[in-house]
PDB file of N, CA and C in Angstrom:
ATOM      1  N   MET A   1     102.117  78.209  93.105  1.00  0.00           N
ATOM      2  CA  MET A   1     101.755  78.928  93.584  1.00  0.00           C
ATOM      3  C   MET A   1     102.084  78.933  95.311  1.00  0.00           C
ATOM      4  N   SER A   2     102.441  80.035  95.832  1.00  0.00           N
ATOM      5  CA  SER A   2     102.785  79.729  97.113  1.00  0.00           C
ATOM      6  C   SER A   2     101.773  79.672  98.100  1.00  0.00           C
ATOM      7  N   GLN A   3     101.852  79.310  99.453  1.00  0.00           N
ATOM      8  CA  GLN A   3     100.764  79.143 100.359  1.00  0.00           C
ATOM      9  C   GLN A   3      99.981  80.414 100.673  1.00  0.00           C
ATOM     10  N   LEU A   4     100.611  81.413 100.671  1.00  0.00           N
ATOM     11  CA  LEU A   4      99.831  82.895 100.683  1.00  0.00           C
ATOM     12  C   LEU A   4      99.045  83.262  99.546  1.00  0.00           C
ATOM     13  N   ASP A   5      99.503  82.801  98.519  1.00  0.00           N
ATOM     14  CA  ASP A   5      98.481  83.076  97.208  1.00  0.00           C
ATOM     15  C   ASP A   5      97.322  81.973  97.281  1.00  0.00           C
ATOM     16  N   ASN A   6      97.699  80.772  97.811  1.00  0.00           N
ATOM     17  CA  ASN A   6      96.531  79.756  97.924  1.00  0.00           C
ATOM     18  C   ASN A   6      95.382  80.048  98.826  1.00  0.00           C
ATOM     19  N   LYS A   7      96.152  80.752 100.102  1.00  0.00           N
ATOM     20  CA  LYS A   7      94.943  81.350 101.040  1.00  0.00           C
ATOM     21  C   LYS A   7      94.353  82.410 100.451  1.00  0.00           C
ATOM     22  N   ILE A   8      94.882  83.342  99.941  1.00  0.00           N
ATOM     23  CA  ILE A   8      94.101  84.598  99.159  1.00  0.00           C
ATOM     24  C   ILE A   8      93.156  84.249  98.456  1.00  0.00           C
ATOM     25  N   SER A   9      93.593  83.372  97.399  1.00  0.00           N
ATOM     26  CA  SER A   9      92.556  82.730  96.100  1.00  0.00           C
ATOM     27  C   SER A   9      91.435  82.365  96.968  1.00  0.00           C
ATOM     28  N   ALA A  10      91.715  81.483  97.889  1.00  0.00           N
ATOM     29  CA  ALA A  10      90.644  80.626  98.670  1.00  0.00           C
ATOM     30  C   ALA A  10      89.720  81.714  99.157  1.00  0.00           C
ATOM     31  N   LYS A  11      90.227  82.864  99.891  1.00  0.00           N
ATOM     32  CA  LYS A  11      89.384  83.694 100.770  1.00  0.00           C
ATOM     33  C   LYS A  11      88.463  84.509  99.734  1.00  0.00           C
ATOM     34  N   CYS A  12      88.913  84.743  98.587  1.00  0.00           N
ATOM     35  CA  CYS A  12      88.442  85.616  97.350  1.00  0.00           C
ATOM     36  C   CYS A  12      87.299  84.688  96.544  1.00  0.00           C
ATOM     37  N   ASP A  13      87.547  83.534  96.506  1.00  0.00           N
ATOM     38  CA  ASP A  13      86.718  82.696  95.819  1.00  0.00           C
ATOM     39  C   ASP A  13      85.304  83.030  96.486  1.00  0.00           C
ATOM     40  N   GLY A  14      85.076  83.014  97.627  1.00  0.00           N
ATOM     41  CA  GLY A  14      83.793  82.992  98.177  1.00  0.00           C
ATOM     42  C   GLY A  14      83.018  84.323  98.511  1.00  0.00           C
ATOM     43  N   ILE A  15      83.687  85.486  97.768  1.00  0.00           N
ATOM     44  CA  ILE A  15      83.252  86.566  98.021  1.00  0.00           C
ATOM     45  C   ILE A  15      82.132  87.068  97.239  1.00  0.00           C
ATOM     46  N   ASN A  16      80.947  87.623  97.603  1.00  0.00           N
ATOM     47  CA  ASN A  16      79.791  87.813  96.833  1.00  0.00           C
ATOM     48  C   ASN A  16      79.967  89.396  96.672  1.00  0.00           C
ATOM     49  N   TYR A  17      80.783  89.689  95.287  1.00  0.00           N
ATOM     50  CA  TYR A  17      80.998  91.187  95.031  1.00  0.00           C
ATOM     51  C   TYR A  17      79.641  92.091  94.653  1.00  0.00           C
ATOM     52  N   ASP A  18      78.578  91.556  94.126  1.00  0.00           N
ATOM     53  CA  ASP A  18      77.254  92.105  94.037  1.00  0.00           C
ATOM     54  C   ASP A  18      76.921  92.655  95.196  1.00  0.00           C
ATOM     55  N   LYS A  19      76.928  91.801  96.333  1.00  0.00           N
ATOM     56  CA  LYS A  19      76.478  92.153  97.668  1.00  0.00           C
ATOM     57  C   LYS A  19      77.320  93.365  98.134  1.00  0.00           C
ATOM     58  N   ILE A  20      78.685  93.436  98.060  1.00  0.00           N
ATOM     59  CA  ILE A  20      79.744  94.426  98.568  1.00  0.00           C
ATOM     60  C   ILE A  20      79.142  95.801  97.766  1.00  0.00           C
ATOM     61  N   ASP A  21      78.775  95.294  96.287  1.00  0.00           N
ATOM     62  CA  ASP A  21      78.488  96.604  95.524  1.00  0.00           C
ATOM     63  C   ASP A  21      77.194  97.351  95.978  1.00  0.00           C
ATOM     64  N   ARG A  22      76.374  96.645  96.435  1.00  0.00           N
ATOM     65  CA  ARG A  22      75.019  97.410  97.273  1.00  0.00           C
ATOM     66  C   ARG A  22      75.217  97.700  98.252  1.00  0.00           C
ATOM     67  N   MET A  23      76.223  97.667  98.976  1.00  0.00           N
ATOM     68  CA  MET A  23      76.513  98.323 100.495  1.00  0.00           C
ATOM     69  C   MET A  23      76.758  99.591 100.337  1.00  0.00           C
ATOM     70  N   GLU A  24      75.893 100.198 101.112  1.00  0.00           N
ATOM     71  CA  GLU A  24      76.129 101.729 101.241  1.00  0.00           C
ATOM     72  C   GLU A  24      77.372 102.244 101.701  1.00  0.00           C
ATOM     73  N   THR A  25      78.022 101.769 102.778  1.00  0.00           N
ATOM     74  CA  THR A  25      79.302 102.087 102.867  1.00  0.00           C
ATOM     75  C   THR A  25      80.403 101.931 102.283  1.00  0.00           C
ATOM     76  N   PHE A  26      80.263 100.915 101.290  1.00  0.00           N
ATOM     77  CA  PHE A  26      81.212 100.586 100.096  1.00  0.00           C
ATOM     78  C   PHE A  26      81.065 101.782  99.186  1.00  0.00           C
ATOM     79  N   ASN A  27      79.632 101.936  98.714  1.00  0.00           N
ATOM     80  CA  ASN A  27      79.683 103.200  97.577  1.00  0.00           C
ATOM     81  C   ASN A  27      80.117 104.441  98.242  1.00  0.00           C
ATOM     82  N   GLN A  28      79.874 104.595  99.458  1.00  0.00           N
ATOM     83  CA  GLN A  28      80.463 105.905 100.258  1.00  0.00           C
ATOM     84  C   GLN A  28      81.823 105.972 100.121  1.00  0.00           C
ATOM     85  N   PHE A  29      82.466 105.068 100.344  1.00  0.00           N
ATOM     86  CA  PHE A  29      83.993 104.680 100.504  1.00  0.00           C
ATOM     87  C   PHE A  29      84.434 104.973  98.900  1.00  0.00           C
ATOM     88  N   VAL A  30      83.819 104.242  97.717  1.00  0.00           N
ATOM     89  CA  VAL A  30      84.450 104.463  96.570  1.00  0.00           C
ATOM     90  C   VAL A  30      84.058 105.682  96.164  1.00  0.00           C
ATOM     91  N   LYS A  31      83.052 106.642  96.517  1.00  0.00           N
ATOM     92  CA  LYS A  31      82.843 107.925  96.226  1.00  0.00           C
ATOM     93  C   LYS A  31      83.907 108.875  96.681  1.00  0.00           C
ATOM     94  N   LYS A  32      84.119 108.518  98.227  1.00  0.00           N
ATOM     95  CA  LYS A  32      85.250 109.577  98.645  1.00  0.00           C
ATOM     96  C   LYS A  32      86.678 109.281  98.165  1.00  0.00           C
ATOM     97  N   LYS A  33      86.831 108.081  97.626  1.00  0.00           N
ATOM     98  CA  LYS A  33      88.249 107.835  97.286  1.00  0.00           C
ATOM     99  C   LYS A  33      88.285 108.442  95.800  1.00  0.00           C
ATOM    100  N   ASN A  34      87.379 108.304  95.000  1.00  0.00           N
ATOM    101  CA  ASN A  34      87.294 108.679  93.536  1.00  0.00           C
ATOM    102  C   ASN A  34      87.510 110.087  93.456  1.00  0.00           C
ATOM    103  N   THR A  35      86.515 110.931  94.445  1.00  0.00           N
ATOM    104  CA  THR A  35      86.702 112.362  94.656  1.00  0.00           C
ATOM    105  C   THR A  35      88.110 112.840  94.993  1.00  0.00           C
ATOM    106  N   PHE A  36      88.740 112.225  95.886  1.00  0.00           N
ATOM    107  CA  PHE A  36      89.927 112.646  96.106  1.00  0.00           C
ATOM    108  C   PHE A  36      91.098 112.284  94.857  1.00  0.00           C
ATOM    109  N   LEU A  37      90.986 111.327  94.445  1.00  0.00           N
ATOM    110  CA  LEU A  37      91.999 110.762  93.346  1.00  0.00           C
ATOM    111  C   LEU A  37      91.784 111.624  92.016  1.00  0.00           C
ATOM    112  N   PHE A  38      90.639 111.859  91.687  1.00  0.00           N
ATOM    113  CA  PHE A  38      90.434 112.611  90.521  1.00  0.00           C
ATOM    114  C   PHE A  38      90.500 114.244  90.631  1.00  0.00           C
ATOM    115  N   GLY A  39      90.511 114.500  91.958  1.00  0.00           N
ATOM    116  CA  GLY A  39      90.807 116.002  92.388  1.00  0.00           C
ATOM    117  C   GLY A  39      92.381 116.164  92.364  1.00  0.00           C
ATOM    118  N   ILE A  40      93.112 115.445  92.785  1.00  0.00           N
ATOM    119  CA  ILE A  40      94.679 115.492  92.736  1.00  0.00           C
ATOM    120  C   ILE A  40      95.030 115.057  91.506  1.00  0.00           C
ATOM    121  N   THR A  41      94.500 114.335  90.618  1.00  0.00           N
ATOM    122  CA  THR A  41      94.768 113.917  89.282  1.00  0.00           C
ATOM    123  C   THR A  41      94.738 115.495  88.463  1.00  0.00           C
ATOM    124  N   ILE A  42      93.465 115.852  88.407  1.00  0.00           N
ATOM    125  CA  ILE A  42      92.956 117.338  87.764  1.00  0.00           C
ATOM    126  C   ILE A  42      93.947 118.208  88.189  1.00  0.00           C
ATOM    127  N   THR A  43      94.208 118.510  89.255  1.00  0.00           N
ATOM    128  CA  THR A  43      95.039 119.684  89.878  1.00  0.00           C
ATOM    129  C   THR A  43      96.638 119.476  89.322  1.00  0.00           C
ATOM    130  N   PHE A  44      96.951 118.315  89.264  1.00  0.00           N
ATOM    131  CA  PHE A  44      98.412 118.029  88.733  1.00  0.00           C
ATOM    132  C   PHE A  44      98.260 118.362  87.229  1.00  0.00           C
ATOM    133  N   LEU A  45      97.444 117.739  86.406  1.00  0.00           N
ATOM    134  CA  LEU A  45      97.455 117.905  84.850  1.00  0.00           C
ATOM    135  C   LEU A  45      97.397 119.261  84.695  1.00  0.00           C
ATOM    136  N   THR A  46      96.383 119.977  85.379  1.00  0.00           N
ATOM    137  CA  THR A  46      96.137 121.286  84.890  1.00  0.00           C
ATOM    138  C   THR A  46      97.462 122.203  85.148  1.00  0.00           C
ATOM    139  N   PHE A  47      98.095 122.169  86.208  1.00  0.00           N
ATOM    140  CA  PHE A  47      99.500 122.833  86.659  1.00  0.00           C
ATOM    141  C   PHE A  47     100.578 122.406  85.530  1.00  0.00           C
ATOM    142  N   TYR A  48     100.556 121.275  85.352  1.00  0.00           N
ATOM    143  CA  TYR A  48     101.584 120.559  84.561  1.00  0.00           C
ATOM    144  C   TYR A  48     101.332 120.735  83.208  1.00  0.00           C
ATOM    145  N   LEU A  49     100.094 120.876  82.397  1.00  0.00           N
ATOM    146  CA  LEU A  49      99.915 121.352  81.123  1.00  0.00           C
ATOM    147  C   LEU A  49     100.076 122.719  80.930  1.00  0.00           C
ATOM    148  N   LEU A  50      99.980 123.400  82.111  1.00  0.00           N
ATOM    149  CA  LEU A  50     100.040 124.917  81.732  1.00  0.00           C
ATOM    150  C   LEU A  50     101.399 125.337  81.463  1.00  0.00           C
ATOM    151  N   LEU A  51     102.446 124.596  81.839  1.00  0.00           N
ATOM    152  CA  LEU A  51     103.748 124.785  81.780  1.00  0.00           C
ATOM    153  C   LEU A  51     104.304 125.141  80.420  1.00  0.00           C
ATOM    154  N   PRO A  52     103.975 124.084  79.453  1.00  0.00           N
ATOM    155  CA  PRO A  52     104.442 124.194  78.058  1.00  0.00           C
ATOM    156  C   PRO A  52     103.446 125.530  77.443  1.00  0.00           C
ATOM    157  N   ILE A  53     102.432 125.587  77.643  1.00  0.00           N
ATOM    158  CA  ILE A  53     101.348 126.787  76.999  1.00  0.00           C
ATOM    159  C   ILE A  53     102.191 128.062  77.578  1.00  0.00           C
ATOM    160  N   LEU A  54     102.260 128.228  78.648  1.00  0.00           N
ATOM    161  CA  LEU A  54     102.457 129.716  79.188  1.00  0.00           C
ATOM    162  C   LEU A  54     104.029 129.836  79.249  1.00  0.00           C
ATOM    163  N   ALA A  55     104.780 128.838  78.982  1.00  0.00           N
ATOM    164  CA  ALA A  55     106.530 128.959  78.777  1.00  0.00           C
ATOM    165  C   ALA A  55     106.824 129.801  77.552  1.00  0.00           C
ATOM    166  N   PHE A  56     105.866 129.675  76.456  1.00  0.00           N
ATOM    167  CA  PHE A  56     105.934 130.444  75.128  1.00  0.00           C
ATOM    168  C   PHE A  56     105.372 131.663  75.057  1.00  0.00           C
ATOM    169  N   THR A  57     104.705 132.363  76.312  1.00  0.00           N
ATOM    170  CA  THR A  57     103.837 133.369  76.279  1.00  0.00           C
ATOM    171  C   THR A  57     104.816 134.283  76.976  1.00  0.00           C
ATOM    172  N   SER A  58     104.326 135.614  77.221  1.00  0.00           N
ATOM    173  CA  SER A  58     105.325 136.757  77.492  1.00  0.00           C
ATOM    174  C   SER A  58     104.889 136.563  79.022  1.00  0.00           C
ATOM    175  N   VAL A  59     103.884 135.710  79.548  1.00  0.00           N
ATOM    176  CA  VAL A  59     103.567 135.692  81.201  1.00  0.00           C
ATOM    177  C   VAL A  59     104.821 135.108  81.924  1.00  0.00           C
ATOM    178  N   LEU A  60     105.341 134.139  81.578  1.00  0.00           N
ATOM    179  CA  LEU A  60     106.467 133.578  82.221  1.00  0.00           C
ATOM    180  C   LEU A  60     107.876 133.935  81.759  1.00  0.00           C
ATOM    181  N   GLN A  61     107.874 134.816  80.705  1.00  0.00           N
ATOM    182  CA  GLN A  61     109.261 135.120  80.308  1.00  0.00           C
ATOM    183  C   GLN A  61     109.866 136.207  80.830  1.00  0.00           C
ATOM    184  N   GLN A  62     108.714 136.923  81.737  1.00  0.00           N
ATOM    185  CA  GLN A  62     109.552 137.974  82.835  1.00  0.00           C
ATOM    186  C   GLN A  62     110.389 137.721  83.616  1.00  0.00           C
ATOM    187  N   LYS A  63     111.176 138.522  84.010  1.00  0.00           N
ATOM    188  CA  LYS A  63     112.536 138.167  84.914  1.00  0.00           C
ATOM    189  C   LYS A  63     111.718 138.238  86.315  1.00  0.00           C
ATOM    190  N   ALA A  64     112.142 137.302  87.276  1.00  0.00           N
ATOM    191  CA  ALA A  64     111.601 137.064  88.825  1.00  0.00           C
ATOM    192  C   ALA A  64     112.601 137.680  89.673  1.00  0.00           C
ATOM    193  N   VAL A  65     113.614 137.237  89.651  1.00  0.00           N
ATOM    194  CA  VAL A  65     114.925 137.710  90.285  1.00  0.00           C
ATOM    195  C   VAL A  65     116.232 137.501  89.645  1.00  0.00           C
ATOM    196  N   GLY A  66     116.801 138.508  89.517  1.00  0.00           N
ATOM    197  CA  GLY A  66     117.947 138.745  88.731  1.00  0.00           C
ATOM    198  C   GLY A  66     117.749 138.354  87.094  1.00  0.00           C
ATOM    199  N   ASN A  67     118.585 136.987  86.770  1.00  0.00           N
ATOM    200  CA  ASN A  67     118.230 136.783  85.369  1.00  0.00           C
ATOM    201  C   ASN A  67     117.341 135.462  85.265  1.00  0.00           C
ATOM    202  N   ILE A  68     116.700 135.192  86.346  1.00  0.00           N
ATOM    203  CA  ILE A  68     115.941 134.157  86.441  1.00  0.00           C
ATOM    204  C   ILE A  68     114.271 134.374  86.110  1.00  0.00           C
ATOM    205  N   THR A  69     113.865 133.715  85.019  1.00  0.00           N
ATOM    206  CA  THR A  69     112.529 134.145  84.590  1.00  0.00           C
ATOM    207  C   THR A  69     111.611 133.296  85.480  1.00  0.00           C
ATOM    208  N   TRP A  70     110.201 133.656  85.267  1.00  0.00           N
ATOM    209  CA  TRP A  70     109.166 132.922  85.888  1.00  0.00           C
ATOM    210  C   TRP A  70     109.020 131.634  85.617  1.00  0.00           C
ATOM    211  N   VAL A  71     109.303 131.218  84.411  1.00  0.00           N
ATOM    212  CA  VAL A  71     109.358 129.796  83.981  1.00  0.00           C
ATOM    213  C   VAL A  71     109.731 128.862  84.838  1.00  0.00           C
ATOM    214  N   TRP A  72     111.240 129.308  85.159  1.00  0.00           N
ATOM    215  CA  TRP A  72     111.923 128.699  86.226  1.00  0.00           C
ATOM    216  C   TRP A  72     111.291 128.357  87.555  1.00  0.00           C
ATOM    217  N   VAL A  73     110.672 129.508  87.950  1.00  0.00           N
ATOM    218  CA  VAL A  73     110.004 129.511  89.314  1.00  0.00           C
ATOM    219  C   VAL A  73     108.779 128.535  89.130  1.00  0.00           C
ATOM    220  N   TYR A  74     108.297 128.478  88.088  1.00  0.00           N
ATOM    221  CA  TYR A  74     106.738 127.664  87.713  1.00  0.00           C
ATOM    222  C   TYR A  74     107.368 126.456  87.873  1.00  0.00           C
ATOM    223  N   SER A  75     108.560 126.057  87.185  1.00  0.00           N
ATOM    224  CA  SER A  75     109.067 124.698  87.022  1.00  0.00           C
ATOM    225  C   SER A  75     109.426 124.125  88.398  1.00  0.00           C
ATOM    226  N   LEU A  76     109.853 124.918  89.090  1.00  0.00           N
ATOM    227  CA  LEU A  76     110.421 124.602  90.460  1.00  0.00           C
ATOM    228  C   LEU A  76     109.117 124.102  91.608  1.00  0.00           C
ATOM    229  N   ALA A  77     108.131 125.141  91.365  1.00  0.00           N
ATOM    230  CA  ALA A  77     106.922 124.954  91.946  1.00  0.00           C
ATOM    231  C   ALA A  77     106.219 123.542  91.558  1.00  0.00           C
ATOM    232  N   LEU A  78     106.236 123.097  90.446  1.00  0.00           N
ATOM    233  CA  LEU A  78     105.742 121.812  90.111  1.00  0.00           C
ATOM    234  C   LEU A  78     106.457 120.617  90.654  1.00  0.00           C
ATOM    235  N   PHE A  79     107.952 120.750  90.852  1.00  0.00           N
ATOM    236  CA  PHE A  79     108.201 119.672  91.734  1.00  0.00           C
ATOM    237  C   PHE A  79     107.859 119.745  93.209  1.00  0.00           C
ATOM    238  N   ILE A  80     107.710 120.960  93.595  1.00  0.00           N
ATOM    239  CA  ILE A  80     107.149 120.924  95.011  1.00  0.00           C
ATOM    240  C   ILE A  80     105.866 120.478  95.048  1.00  0.00           C
ATOM    241  N   MET A  81     105.082 120.880  94.054  1.00  0.00           N
ATOM    242  CA  MET A  81     103.586 120.283  94.059  1.00  0.00           C
ATOM    243  C   MET A  81     103.597 118.711  94.167  1.00  0.00           C
ATOM    244  N   THR A  82     104.404 118.200  93.243  1.00  0.00           N
ATOM    245  CA  THR A  82     104.427 116.828  92.967  1.00  0.00           C
ATOM    246  C   THR A  82     104.797 116.138  94.383  1.00  0.00           C
ATOM    247  N   ILE A  83     105.640 116.647  94.991  1.00  0.00           N
ATOM    248  CA  ILE A  83     106.388 116.166  96.156  1.00  0.00           C
ATOM    249  C   ILE A  83     105.004 116.213  97.324  1.00  0.00           C
ATOM    250  N   ILE A  84     104.298 117.212  97.417  1.00  0.00           N
ATOM    251  CA  ILE A  84     103.203 117.541  98.059  1.00  0.00           C
ATOM    252  C   ILE A  84     101.839 116.616  98.118  1.00  0.00           C
ATOM    253  N   LEU A  85     101.858 116.587  96.636  1.00  0.00           N
ATOM    254  CA  LEU A  85     100.529 115.624  96.221  1.00  0.00           C
ATOM    255  C   LEU A  85     101.161 114.351  96.314  1.00  0.00           C
ATOM    256  N   CYS A  86     102.018 113.803  96.220  1.00  0.00           N
ATOM    257  CA  CYS A  86     102.508 112.201  96.709  1.00  0.00           C
ATOM    258  C   CYS A  86     102.542 112.206  98.171  1.00  0.00           C
ATOM    259  N   THR A  87     103.044 112.945  99.011  1.00  0.00           N
ATOM    260  CA  THR A  87     102.805 112.885 100.354  1.00  0.00           C
ATOM    261  C   THR A  87     101.363 112.914 100.886  1.00  0.00           C
ATOM    262  N   LEU A  88     100.574 113.693 100.448  1.00  0.00           N
ATOM    263  CA  LEU A  88      98.956 113.532 100.517  1.00  0.00           C
ATOM    264  C   LEU A  88      98.618 112.484 100.288  1.00  0.00           C
ATOM    265  N   TYR A  89      98.752 111.855  99.039  1.00  0.00           N
ATOM    266  CA  TYR A  89      98.243 110.674  98.822  1.00  0.00           C
ATOM    267  C   TYR A  89      98.855 109.320  99.609  1.00  0.00           C
ATOM    268  N   VAL A  90      99.860 109.561 100.099  1.00  0.00           N
ATOM    269  CA  VAL A  90     100.458 108.496 100.950  1.00  0.00           C
ATOM    270  C   VAL A  90      99.554 108.402 102.413  1.00  0.00           C
ATOM    271  N   LYS A  91      99.493 109.462 102.870  1.00  0.00           N
ATOM    272  CA  LYS A  91      98.545 109.859 104.080  1.00  0.00           C
ATOM    273  C   LYS A  91      97.391 109.147 103.968  1.00  0.00           C
ATOM    274  N   MET A  92      96.635 109.739 102.769  1.00  0.00           N
ATOM    275  CA  MET A  92      95.406 109.435 102.529  1.00  0.00           C
ATOM    276  C   MET A  92      95.081 108.000 102.159  1.00  0.00           C
ATOM    277  N   ALA A  93      96.137 107.345 101.694  1.00  0.00           N
ATOM    278  CA  ALA A  93      96.079 105.903 101.329  1.00  0.00           C
ATOM    279  C   ALA A  93      95.921 104.868 102.570  1.00  0.00           C
ATOM    280  N   SER A  94      96.571 105.037 103.764  1.00  0.00           N
ATOM    281  CA  SER A  94      96.147 104.624 104.823  1.00  0.00           C
ATOM    282  C   SER A  94      94.745 104.617 105.344  1.00  0.00           C
ATOM    283  N   LYS A  95      94.169 105.991 105.425  1.00  0.00           N
ATOM    284  CA  LYS A  95      92.686 105.938 105.712  1.00  0.00           C
ATOM    285  C   LYS A  95      92.034 105.364 104.708  1.00  0.00           C
ATOM    286  N   PHE A  96      92.356 105.311 103.567  1.00  0.00           N
ATOM    287  CA  PHE A  96      91.664 104.525 102.295  1.00  0.00           C
ATOM    288  C   PHE A  96      91.477 102.993 102.827  1.00  0.00           C
ATOM    289  N   ASP A  97      92.911 102.477 103.103  1.00  0.00           N
ATOM    290  CA  ASP A  97      92.884 101.021 103.718  1.00  0.00           C
ATOM    291  C   ASP A  97      91.965 100.720 104.870  1.00  0.00           C
ATOM    292  N   LYS A  98      92.226 101.749 105.879  1.00  0.00           N
ATOM    293  CA  LYS A  98      91.185 101.239 106.869  1.00  0.00           C
ATOM    294  C   LYS A  98      89.874 101.327 106.835  1.00  0.00           C
ATOM    295  N   ALA A  99      89.324 102.471 105.491  1.00  0.00           N
ATOM    296  CA  ALA A  99      87.950 102.306 105.455  1.00  0.00           C
ATOM    297  C   ALA A  99      87.708 101.193 104.480  1.00  0.00           C
ATOM    298  N   ALA A 100      88.475 100.470 103.506  1.00  0.00           N
ATOM    299  CA  ALA A 100      88.102  99.334 103.030  1.00  0.00           C
ATOM    300  C   ALA A 100      88.222  98.176 103.761  1.00  0.00           C
ATOM    301  N   ALA A 101      89.001  98.167 104.958  1.00  0.00           N
ATOM    302  CA  ALA A 101      89.065  96.964 105.964  1.00  0.00           C
ATOM    303  C   ALA A 101      87.716  96.957 106.587  1.00  0.00           C
ATOM    304  N   ALA A 102      87.048  98.390 107.137  1.00  0.00           N
ATOM    305  CA  ALA A 102      85.873  98.471 107.743  1.00  0.00           C
ATOM    306  C   ALA A 102      84.477  98.138 106.989  1.00  0.00           C
ATOM    307  N   VAL A 103      84.844  98.273 105.677  1.00  0.00           N
ATOM    308  CA  VAL A 103      83.663  97.704 104.625  1.00  0.00           C
ATOM    309  C   VAL A 103      83.807  96.230 104.361  1.00  0.00           C
ATOM    310  N   LEU A 104      84.880  95.611 104.422  1.00  0.00           N
ATOM    311  CA  LEU A 104      85.004  94.121 104.601  1.00  0.00           C
ATOM    312  C   LEU A 104      84.573  93.741 105.849  1.00  0.00           C
ATOM    313  N   GLN A 105      84.707  93.964 106.759  1.00  0.00           N
ATOM    314  CA  GLN A 105      84.260  93.925 108.354  1.00  0.00           C
ATOM    315  C   GLN A 105      82.822  93.893 108.250  1.00  0.00           C
ATOM    316  N   GLU A 106      82.143  94.786 107.787  1.00  0.00           N
ATOM    317  CA  GLU A 106      80.663  95.040 107.795  1.00  0.00           C
ATOM    318  C   GLU A 106      80.149  93.894 106.920  1.00  0.00           C
ATOM    319  N   TYR A 107      80.919  93.527 105.765  1.00  0.00           N
ATOM    320  CA  TYR A 107      80.484  92.515 104.837  1.00  0.00           C
ATOM    321  C   TYR A 107      80.387  91.137 105.604  1.00  0.00           C
ATOM    322  N   GLU A 108      81.495  90.935 106.327  1.00  0.00           N
ATOM    323  CA  GLU A 108      81.541  89.424 106.829  1.00  0.00           C
ATOM    324  C   GLU A 108      80.693  89.548 108.167  1.00  0.00           C
ATOM    325  N   LYS A 109      80.300  90.680 108.864  1.00  0.00           N
ATOM    326  CA  LYS A 109      79.324  90.410 110.055  1.00  0.00           C
ATOM    327  C   LYS A 109      77.963  90.586 109.338  1.00  0.00           C
ATOM    328  N   ALA A 110      77.606  90.830 108.267  1.00  0.00           N
ATOM    329  CA  ALA A 110      76.447  90.569 107.658  1.00  0.00           C
ATOM    330  C   ALA A 110      76.237  89.429 107.129  1.00  0.00           C
ATOM    331  N   GLY A 111      77.256  88.197 107.393  1.00  0.00           N
ATOM    332  CA  GLY A 111      76.757  86.833 107.087  1.00  0.00           C
ATOM    333  C   GLY A 111      77.402  86.614 105.854  1.00  0.00           C
ATOM    334  N   ALA A 112      78.561  87.017 105.299  1.00  0.00           N
ATOM    335  CA  ALA A 112      78.732  86.798 103.907  1.00  0.00           C
ATOM    336  C   ALA A 112      79.256  85.310 103.639  1.00  0.00           C
TER     337      ALA A 112
END
C-alpha cells in the first residue's frame, strides 16, 4: 500500500457511517443526486430503446430529406443526446462533489 492509501484508510476507519446516514443534509444530497441520475438514465434508456421498436414500423421509415429516412435522423439525435447528457453529468458531478464535501465538513464540525 502506498502512503496515500494508508492515509485514506486511516481516515475512513474512524467514520461513523450511521451518524452520517442520519444527517438531514446527507439525505437531501442523496435524494437530489439519485433524482438526477435516475432521471437522465430513464431519459437515455427510453429514447435508446425506442429506436429498435420504431425502426421497424412505418413511423421512422418515411423519408425526411432526399433518400434519408427518419430512422437515420433519430439515430443521429441519439448521439447528440448522449453527448448532451454526458456533458450535463460532468457539470453536475462537480456540484455533487462540493455538496458531498459540505456534508463531510458538517459531520466533522459536529464532533465526529
